Amino acid sequence: MYEYAIAWEWLAFAARWFHVITAIAWIGSSFYFIALDLGLVKRPHLPPGAYGEEWQVHGGGFYHIQKYLVAPAQMPEHLTWFKYESYFTWISGFLMLCIVYYGGADLFLIDQHVLDISPSVAILISLGSLALGWVVYDLLCKSPLGRNTWGLMAVLYVVLVFMAWGYTQLFTGRAAFLHLGAFTATIMSANVFMIIIPNQKIVVADLIAGRVPDPKYGQVAKQRSLHNNYLTLPVIFFMLSNHYPLSFGTQFNWVIAALVFLMGVTIRHWFNTTHARKGRPTWTWIVTVILFILIMWLSTVPKLLTGETDAAAVAPAFQQFAGDPHFPAVKQLVSTRCSMCHAAEPVYEGIVRPPNGVMLENDAEIAAHAREIYIQAGRSHAMPPGNITDITPDERKLLVAWFESAVEGKKQ
């Protein structure tokens, strides 16, 4: 069992590293080509069929790039395709989903206090949602609504917000955000695999056969590429969100997700406008900061929305927490709800070492990690994963009261 757990951990590490490498390659090429496309300049001397050109300098040399909106008159001898970055990013991400969330469904995917389902049912829901997402998206794009680019994007935003809410009604908060990222990334990668590359292959085949390519293939591919452009930053956020429980483990996590999509639009709009040489719309950053502050506010579940007292999470001296009147009850709570994993020798099946090296077996260790306990198990529901130890709302309130009482005591 021990060797199996170690091997599984290294498999997860390898898959994660593979995913990071391929994601960097895909996102990097995507950002570059969007910037290149928006920076193209139309000049009189361009060859027939050329849409625009761009001069760039990098690595000690100059690059002269021309874009043909449909295709050049003849097929070039060498043609570089940008597709495998997308494919392997999705494949490696799905592999991570299988290893972490399907392999550890009881711990990471299912929260019985949200929806009491078996691991097999949860996995089927996960797979079905990813497939259904692409089908719905593709049908919307091919419908009459697809001819209105911005109207289509507004409808797609509504779909994404609905999925954000839906996932939080099915899975743990951590898994909900991860699935929202996977849902969006599946659409993006399927755009490349199902639409953009096949359309480009049709154009290439027409060139080889001596036919004039139909412009519609390029137009459709460009629309899907625009969607990918605005979805990239939210996907990155959701894939990294499992490190930040105040984003996924709070009552208004689905609202936070909806605001993250808007932040992705405002940030990308600044870059797109700048690359197109149409100015630098600083208002987009102001809106982004406002959205982020709103997210921070929502993550603390303020009194205005829940009737609870709001307090800032600060980290005073660790000794303060062990001397607080709430500490004996907190110590008992941590011992029964947390120490099965956070111990020198964890007793939870499949856990061979304390997660992140955090041990909560004595007064000093509990006090030293007071802030993390407060955020991850008090203010949010990130811990225990999937609420596997059945921590109650009253017990979470005790953790909040303990931390905030100790903080207030030090201020006095």
Protein backbone atom coordinates (compact mmCIF):
# COMPACT_ATOMS: atom_id res chain seq x y z
CA MET A 1 0.00 0.00 0.00
CA TYR A 2 2.82 2.39 0.90
CA GLU A 3 4.66 1.81 -2.38
CA TYR A 4 1.42 2.20 -4.33
CA ALA A 5 0.67 5.55 -2.68
CA ILE A 6 4.18 6.83 -3.40
CA ALA A 7 3.99 5.73 -7.04
CA TRP A 8 0.58 7.40 -7.38
CA GLU A 9 1.98 10.65 -5.99
CA TRP A 10 4.82 10.63 -8.49
CA LEU A 11 2.41 9.87 -11.31
CA ALA A 12 0.37 12.91 -10.27
CA PHE A 13 3.54 15.00 -10.17
CA ALA A 14 4.57 13.87 -13.66
CA ALA A 15 1.12 14.57 -15.08
CA ARG A 16 1.00 18.01 -13.45
CA TRP A 17 4.43 18.95 -14.78
CA PHE A 18 3.46 17.72 -18.26
CA HIS A 19 0.31 19.82 -18.05
CA VAL A 20 2.23 22.94 -17.01
CA ILE A 21 4.69 22.59 -19.89
CA THR A 22 2.03 22.08 -22.56
CA ALA A 23 -0.18 24.83 -21.12
CA ILE A 24 2.69 27.32 -21.25
CA ALA A 25 3.30 26.36 -24.88
CA TRP A 26 -0.37 26.73 -25.83
CA ILE A 27 -1.05 29.93 -23.93
CA GLY A 28 2.22 31.45 -25.12
CA SER A 29 1.52 30.76 -28.79
CA SER A 30 -2.09 31.92 -28.36
CA PHE A 31 -1.05 35.23 -26.80
CA TYR A 32 1.59 35.77 -29.45
CA PHE A 33 -0.67 35.17 -32.44
CA ILE A 34 -3.48 37.29 -31.03
CA ALA A 35 -1.02 40.16 -30.56
CA LEU A 36 0.40 39.56 -34.04
CA ASP A 37 -3.02 39.46 -35.67
CA LEU A 38 -4.17 42.67 -34.00
CA GLY A 39 -0.93 44.46 -34.86
CA LEU A 40 -1.04 43.78 -38.61
CA VAL A 41 -0.77 46.85 -40.80
CA LYS A 42 -2.23 47.18 -44.30
CA ARG A 43 0.23 48.67 -46.79
CA PRO A 44 -0.01 49.30 -50.56
CA HIS A 45 2.94 47.09 -51.50
CA LEU A 46 1.49 43.87 -50.05
CA PRO A 47 1.21 40.85 -52.38
CA PRO A 48 -2.24 39.96 -53.80
CA GLY A 49 -4.40 38.34 -51.12
CA ALA A 50 -2.26 39.54 -48.20
CA TYR A 51 -4.30 41.13 -45.40
CA GLY A 52 -1.50 42.89 -43.54
CA GLU A 53 2.08 42.72 -42.36
CA GLU A 54 4.11 43.25 -39.20
CA TRP A 55 7.78 43.92 -38.48
CA GLN A 56 9.09 42.54 -35.19
CA VAL A 57 12.46 42.38 -33.49
CA HIS A 58 13.53 39.62 -31.11
CA GLY A 59 16.61 37.62 -30.28
CA GLY A 60 19.00 39.85 -32.20
CA GLY A 61 17.11 39.76 -35.48
CA PHE A 62 14.16 41.19 -37.39
CA TYR A 63 11.07 39.30 -38.52
CA HIS A 64 8.87 40.33 -41.44
CA ILE A 65 5.48 38.62 -41.21
CA GLN A 66 2.58 38.75 -43.67
CA LYS A 67 -0.89 37.33 -43.14
CA TYR A 68 -3.23 36.03 -45.84
CA LEU A 69 -6.78 36.27 -44.55
CA VAL A 70 -7.94 33.31 -46.66
CA ALA A 71 -4.86 31.76 -48.29
CA PRO A 72 -1.94 32.65 -50.57
CA ALA A 73 -2.15 31.98 -54.27
CA GLN A 74 0.06 28.91 -53.98
CA MET A 75 0.73 26.35 -51.30
CA PRO A 76 4.05 27.15 -49.53
CA GLU A 77 6.74 24.47 -49.39
CA HIS A 78 6.86 24.46 -45.60
CA LEU A 79 3.88 25.05 -43.33
CA THR A 80 4.06 25.02 -39.53
CA TRP A 81 0.88 23.96 -37.74
CA PHE A 82 0.07 25.15 -34.22
CA LYS A 83 -2.22 22.49 -32.84
CA TYR A 84 -0.38 19.97 -30.70
CA GLU A 85 0.09 22.50 -27.89
CA SER A 86 -3.68 22.63 -27.50
CA TYR A 87 -4.19 18.89 -27.84
CA PHE A 88 -1.59 17.89 -25.27
CA THR A 89 -2.69 20.59 -22.84
CA TRP A 90 -6.17 19.07 -22.80
CA ILE A 91 -4.89 15.48 -22.68
CA SER A 92 -2.54 16.20 -19.78
CA GLY A 93 -5.26 18.18 -17.98
CA PHE A 94 -7.71 15.32 -18.35
CA LEU A 95 -5.04 12.95 -17.07
CA MET A 96 -4.70 15.16 -13.99
CA LEU A 97 -8.48 15.14 -13.56
CA CYS A 98 -8.46 11.33 -13.63
CA ILE A 99 -5.54 10.94 -11.23
CA VAL A 100 -6.54 13.51 -8.61
CA TYR A 101 -10.31 13.92 -8.78
CA TYR A 102 -11.47 10.58 -10.16
CA GLY A 103 -8.85 8.53 -8.33
CA GLY A 104 -9.56 10.43 -5.11
CA ALA A 105 -13.27 11.08 -5.65
CA ASP A 106 -14.21 10.46 -2.00
CA LEU A 107 -11.75 13.08 -0.84
CA PHE A 108 -11.60 15.72 -3.59
CA LEU A 109 -14.70 15.36 -5.78
CA ILE A 110 -17.62 14.52 -3.50
CA ASP A 111 -18.95 16.53 -0.59
CA GLN A 112 -21.85 14.54 0.89
CA HIS A 113 -23.14 17.72 2.50
CA VAL A 114 -23.56 19.20 -1.00
CA LEU A 115 -24.77 16.09 -2.85
CA ASP A 116 -24.63 12.54 -1.50
CA ILE A 117 -23.64 10.48 -4.53
CA SER A 118 -21.28 7.61 -5.22
CA PRO A 119 -17.87 8.13 -6.85
CA SER A 120 -19.01 6.42 -10.06
CA VAL A 121 -22.03 8.71 -10.39
CA ALA A 122 -19.90 11.78 -9.67
CA ILE A 123 -17.38 10.76 -12.35
CA LEU A 124 -20.17 10.17 -14.90
CA ILE A 125 -21.62 13.62 -14.12
CA SER A 126 -18.17 15.12 -14.57
CA LEU A 127 -17.57 13.45 -17.93
CA GLY A 128 -21.09 14.17 -19.15
CA SER A 129 -20.86 17.86 -18.26
CA LEU A 130 -17.64 18.31 -20.24
CA ALA A 131 -19.09 16.62 -23.32
CA LEU A 132 -22.45 18.39 -23.04
CA GLY A 133 -20.71 21.74 -22.67
CA TRP A 134 -19.03 21.40 -26.05
CA VAL A 135 -22.25 20.25 -27.75
CA VAL A 136 -24.27 23.19 -26.39
CA TYR A 137 -21.54 25.68 -27.21
CA ASP A 138 -21.07 24.37 -30.74
CA LEU A 139 -24.83 24.43 -31.43
CA LEU A 140 -25.03 28.04 -30.23
CA CYS A 141 -22.16 29.04 -32.50
CA LYS A 142 -23.81 27.35 -35.51
CA SER A 143 -27.25 28.80 -34.75
CA PRO A 144 -28.46 32.13 -36.17
CA LEU A 145 -27.19 33.71 -32.95
CA GLY A 146 -23.68 32.83 -34.09
CA ARG A 147 -23.79 35.58 -36.72
CA ASN A 148 -23.82 38.17 -33.90
CA THR A 149 -20.39 37.76 -32.30
CA TRP A 150 -20.97 39.90 -29.21
CA GLY A 151 -24.53 38.70 -28.70
CA LEU A 152 -23.23 35.15 -28.84
CA MET A 153 -20.55 35.93 -26.27
CA ALA A 154 -23.18 37.40 -23.93
CA VAL A 155 -25.24 34.19 -24.15
CA LEU A 156 -22.11 32.10 -23.61
CA TYR A 157 -21.36 34.12 -20.48
CA VAL A 158 -24.81 33.25 -19.13
CA VAL A 159 -24.07 29.57 -19.84
CA LEU A 160 -20.75 29.79 -17.98
CA VAL A 161 -22.36 31.46 -14.97
CA PHE A 162 -25.02 28.76 -14.90
CA MET A 163 -22.32 26.09 -14.99
CA ALA A 164 -20.46 27.86 -12.17
CA TRP A 165 -23.59 27.68 -10.04
CA GLY A 166 -24.38 24.12 -11.15
CA TYR A 167 -20.96 22.71 -10.34
CA THR A 168 -21.13 24.15 -6.81
CA GLN A 169 -24.41 22.23 -6.33
CA LEU A 170 -22.74 18.96 -7.35
CA PHE A 171 -19.16 18.83 -6.11
CA THR A 172 -16.80 20.21 -3.49
CA GLY A 173 -15.91 23.87 -3.97
CA ARG A 174 -12.40 22.88 -5.03
CA ALA A 175 -13.71 20.42 -7.62
CA ALA A 176 -16.38 22.88 -8.80
CA PHE A 177 -13.77 25.48 -9.76
CA LEU A 178 -11.51 22.86 -11.31
CA HIS A 179 -14.41 21.55 -13.39
CA LEU A 180 -15.38 25.03 -14.48
CA GLY A 181 -11.83 25.42 -15.78
CA ALA A 182 -11.99 21.99 -17.44
CA PHE A 183 -15.40 22.82 -18.95
CA THR A 184 -14.02 26.02 -20.47
CA ALA A 185 -10.73 24.44 -21.55
CA THR A 186 -12.62 21.61 -23.27
CA ILE A 187 -14.50 24.17 -25.35
CA MET A 188 -11.25 25.93 -26.22
CA SER A 189 -9.35 22.80 -27.19
CA ALA A 190 -12.34 21.40 -29.10
CA ASN A 191 -12.47 24.67 -31.03
CA VAL A 192 -8.95 23.95 -32.22
CA PHE A 193 -9.49 20.24 -32.84
CA MET A 194 -13.02 20.32 -34.28
CA ILE A 195 -13.21 23.69 -36.06
CA ILE A 196 -10.03 25.73 -36.51
CA ILE A 197 -7.63 23.04 -37.72
CA PRO A 198 -10.19 21.18 -39.91
CA ASN A 199 -11.15 24.46 -41.58
CA GLN A 200 -7.50 25.24 -42.23
CA LYS A 201 -7.03 21.77 -43.70
CA ILE A 202 -9.92 22.41 -46.09
CA VAL A 203 -8.22 25.61 -47.23
CA VAL A 204 -4.91 23.77 -47.73
CA ALA A 205 -6.63 21.01 -49.70
CA ASP A 206 -8.25 23.61 -51.96
CA LEU A 207 -4.87 25.23 -52.60
CA ILE A 208 -3.26 21.91 -53.47
CA ALA A 209 -6.15 21.10 -55.84
CA GLY A 210 -5.90 24.51 -57.50
CA ARG A 211 -9.28 25.72 -56.16
CA VAL A 212 -9.99 29.13 -54.63
CA PRO A 213 -10.67 28.60 -50.89
CA ASP A 214 -14.01 29.70 -49.47
CA PRO A 215 -13.54 32.68 -47.06
CA LYS A 216 -16.19 31.29 -44.68
CA TYR A 217 -13.77 28.75 -43.24
CA GLY A 218 -11.39 31.46 -42.12
CA GLN A 219 -14.23 33.57 -40.71
CA VAL A 220 -15.60 30.74 -38.60
CA ALA A 221 -12.14 29.84 -37.34
CA LYS A 222 -11.47 33.47 -36.43
CA GLN A 223 -14.68 33.67 -34.36
CA ARG A 224 -13.73 30.55 -32.39
CA SER A 225 -10.23 31.93 -31.90
CA LEU A 226 -11.75 35.13 -30.49
CA HIS A 227 -13.68 33.09 -27.92
CA ASN A 228 -10.50 31.26 -26.94
CA ASN A 229 -8.77 34.61 -26.56
CA TYR A 230 -11.22 35.86 -23.94
CA LEU A 231 -11.47 32.53 -22.09
CA THR A 232 -7.75 31.96 -21.56
CA LEU A 233 -7.22 34.02 -18.41
CA PRO A 234 -10.27 32.67 -16.52
CA VAL A 235 -9.13 29.11 -17.29
CA ILE A 236 -5.72 29.86 -15.77
CA PHE A 237 -7.42 31.26 -12.66
CA PHE A 238 -9.62 28.22 -12.17
CA MET A 239 -6.75 25.79 -12.71
CA LEU A 240 -4.73 27.56 -9.99
CA SER A 241 -7.65 28.26 -7.67
CA ASN A 242 -7.21 25.09 -5.61
CA HIS A 243 -4.35 26.89 -3.85
CA TYR A 244 -6.71 29.65 -2.67
CA PRO A 245 -9.60 28.35 -0.57
CA LEU A 246 -11.13 31.79 -0.09
CA SER A 247 -12.03 31.69 -3.77
CA PHE A 248 -13.65 28.25 -4.01
CA GLY A 249 -14.55 27.31 -0.44
CA THR A 250 -16.97 30.10 0.43
CA GLN A 251 -20.71 30.56 0.19
CA PHE A 252 -20.60 32.84 -2.84
CA ASN A 253 -18.01 30.88 -4.81
CA TRP A 254 -20.14 30.71 -7.95
CA VAL A 255 -20.59 34.50 -7.92
CA ILE A 256 -16.82 34.84 -7.57
CA ALA A 257 -16.43 32.58 -10.61
CA ALA A 258 -18.83 34.77 -12.61
CA LEU A 259 -16.77 37.86 -11.72
CA VAL A 260 -13.54 36.07 -12.69
CA PHE A 261 -14.89 35.63 -16.23
CA LEU A 262 -15.57 39.38 -16.37
CA MET A 263 -12.04 40.11 -15.15
CA GLY A 264 -10.72 37.94 -17.97
CA VAL A 265 -12.64 40.09 -20.47
CA THR A 266 -11.45 43.42 -19.05
CA ILE A 267 -7.79 42.38 -18.92
CA ARG A 268 -7.80 40.86 -22.41
CA HIS A 269 -9.59 43.94 -23.77
CA TRP A 270 -6.70 46.10 -22.60
CA PHE A 271 -4.14 43.85 -24.28
CA ASN A 272 -6.20 43.50 -27.46
CA THR A 273 -6.75 47.25 -27.76
CA THR A 274 -3.09 47.98 -27.08
CA HIS A 275 -1.85 45.41 -29.60
CA ALA A 276 -4.23 46.85 -32.19
CA ARG A 277 -2.69 50.29 -31.60
CA LYS A 278 -6.04 51.77 -30.65
CA GLY A 279 -4.88 53.29 -27.40
CA ARG A 280 -4.43 52.08 -23.84
CA PRO A 281 -7.83 51.90 -22.14
CA THR A 282 -6.82 52.34 -18.50
CA TRP A 283 -10.47 52.09 -17.48
CA THR A 284 -10.22 48.34 -17.95
CA TRP A 285 -7.71 48.10 -15.10
CA ILE A 286 -9.92 50.24 -12.87
CA VAL A 287 -12.84 47.90 -13.54
CA THR A 288 -10.59 44.87 -12.95
CA VAL A 289 -9.45 46.20 -9.57
CA ILE A 290 -13.06 46.91 -8.57
CA LEU A 291 -14.07 43.38 -9.55
CA PHE A 292 -11.18 41.92 -7.59
CA ILE A 293 -12.04 43.94 -4.50
CA LEU A 294 -15.63 42.72 -4.83
CA ILE A 295 -14.35 39.15 -5.00
CA MET A 296 -12.28 39.70 -1.85
CA TRP A 297 -15.34 41.10 -0.10
CA LEU A 298 -17.54 38.19 -1.16
CA SER A 299 -14.93 35.66 -0.03
CA THR A 300 -15.20 36.79 3.59
CA VAL A 301 -18.99 36.30 3.66
CA PRO A 302 -19.72 39.76 5.09
CA LYS A 303 -22.39 40.59 7.64
CA LEU A 304 -24.52 42.42 5.08
CA LEU A 305 -25.12 39.14 3.22
CA THR A 306 -25.11 36.51 5.94
CA GLY A 307 -25.61 38.22 9.28
CA GLU A 308 -22.16 37.07 10.47
CA THR A 309 -19.49 39.33 11.86
CA ASP A 310 -16.75 40.22 9.39
CA ALA A 311 -13.14 40.50 10.51
CA ALA A 312 -9.78 40.79 8.82
CA ALA A 313 -7.57 37.70 8.88
CA VAL A 314 -4.28 38.83 10.33
CA ALA A 315 -1.47 36.75 11.75
CA PRO A 316 -0.37 37.87 15.22
CA ALA A 317 2.09 35.95 17.38
CA PHE A 318 1.32 32.23 17.53
CA GLN A 319 1.39 32.13 21.34
CA GLN A 320 -1.69 34.33 21.45
CA PHE A 321 -3.87 31.56 20.05
CA ALA A 322 -2.93 28.91 22.60
CA GLY A 323 -3.90 31.25 25.42
CA ASP A 324 -7.35 32.11 24.08
CA PRO A 325 -10.35 30.81 26.11
CA HIS A 326 -11.67 28.99 23.04
CA PHE A 327 -8.47 27.00 22.62
CA PRO A 328 -9.35 23.84 24.64
CA ALA A 329 -12.49 23.30 22.53
CA VAL A 330 -10.57 24.08 19.35
CA LYS A 331 -7.84 21.60 20.28
CA GLN A 332 -10.46 18.88 20.77
CA LEU A 333 -12.10 19.81 17.47
CA VAL A 334 -8.84 19.71 15.52
CA SER A 335 -7.90 16.41 17.13
CA THR A 336 -11.15 14.77 15.99
CA ARG A 337 -11.57 16.44 12.57
CA CYS A 338 -8.07 17.12 11.26
CA SER A 339 -5.37 14.98 12.86
CA MET A 340 -6.21 11.79 10.97
CA CYS A 341 -4.32 13.36 8.05
CA HIS A 342 -2.32 16.15 9.69
CA ALA A 343 -0.19 13.87 11.85
CA ALA A 344 3.33 12.50 11.76
CA GLU A 345 1.77 9.13 10.90
CA PRO A 346 -1.58 9.78 9.17
CA VAL A 347 -4.23 7.11 9.63
CA TYR A 348 -6.45 8.11 6.69
CA GLU A 349 -6.26 5.55 3.89
CA GLY A 350 -4.01 6.63 1.03
CA ILE A 351 -2.32 9.43 3.02
CA VAL A 352 1.26 8.45 3.84
CA ARG A 353 2.53 11.84 5.02
CA PRO A 354 0.84 14.97 6.41
CA PRO A 355 -0.43 17.16 3.53
CA ASN A 356 2.01 20.01 2.86
CA GLY A 357 3.96 18.87 5.92
CA VAL A 358 1.33 20.39 8.24
CA MET A 359 0.94 18.53 11.54
CA LEU A 360 -1.75 19.44 14.09
CA GLU A 361 -1.04 17.10 16.99
CA ASN A 362 -0.11 19.46 19.82
CA ASP A 363 -0.74 22.97 21.14
CA ALA A 364 2.26 24.52 19.42
CA GLU A 365 1.40 23.06 16.02
CA ILE A 366 -2.26 24.10 16.20
CA ALA A 367 -1.34 27.63 17.32
CA ALA A 368 1.32 27.92 14.64
CA HIS A 369 -1.22 27.12 11.93
CA ALA A 370 -4.06 29.18 13.39
CA ARG A 371 -4.37 31.41 10.36
CA GLU A 372 -4.53 28.47 7.92
CA ILE A 373 -7.10 26.67 10.11
CA TYR A 374 -9.17 29.86 10.26
CA ILE A 375 -9.15 30.39 6.48
CA GLN A 376 -9.41 26.82 5.25
CA ALA A 377 -11.74 25.28 7.82
CA GLY A 378 -13.39 28.29 9.46
CA ARG A 379 -13.98 31.01 6.90
CA SER A 380 -14.12 28.56 3.99
CA HIS A 381 -15.07 24.91 3.56
CA ALA A 382 -11.84 23.94 1.81
CA MET A 383 -10.87 21.68 4.70
CA PRO A 384 -11.49 18.91 5.39
CA PRO A 385 -11.62 18.02 1.65
CA GLY A 386 -15.17 17.12 0.77
CA ASN A 387 -15.93 17.58 4.48
CA ILE A 388 -14.87 13.97 4.84
CA THR A 389 -14.81 14.20 8.67
CA ASP A 390 -18.26 15.82 8.88
CA ILE A 391 -17.24 19.09 10.51
CA THR A 392 -20.42 20.98 11.42
CA PRO A 393 -21.33 24.64 10.83
CA ASP A 394 -21.15 25.28 14.59
CA GLU A 395 -17.66 23.83 14.70
CA ARG A 396 -16.57 26.13 11.88
CA LYS A 397 -18.02 29.06 13.82
CA LEU A 398 -15.94 27.97 16.82
CA LEU A 399 -12.76 28.14 14.71
CA VAL A 400 -13.74 31.60 13.49
CA ALA A 401 -14.54 32.80 17.00
CA TRP A 402 -11.23 31.41 18.32
CA PHE A 403 -9.07 33.12 15.72
CA GLU A 404 -10.90 36.43 15.77
CA SER A 405 -11.03 36.49 19.56
CA ALA A 406 -7.28 35.95 19.75
CA VAL A 407 -6.68 38.66 17.16
CA GLU A 408 -8.86 41.14 19.03
CA GLY A 409 -7.20 40.19 22.31
CA LYS A 410 -3.77 41.03 20.95
CA LYS A 411 -4.98 44.37 19.60
CA GLN A 412 -6.14 45.30 23.10
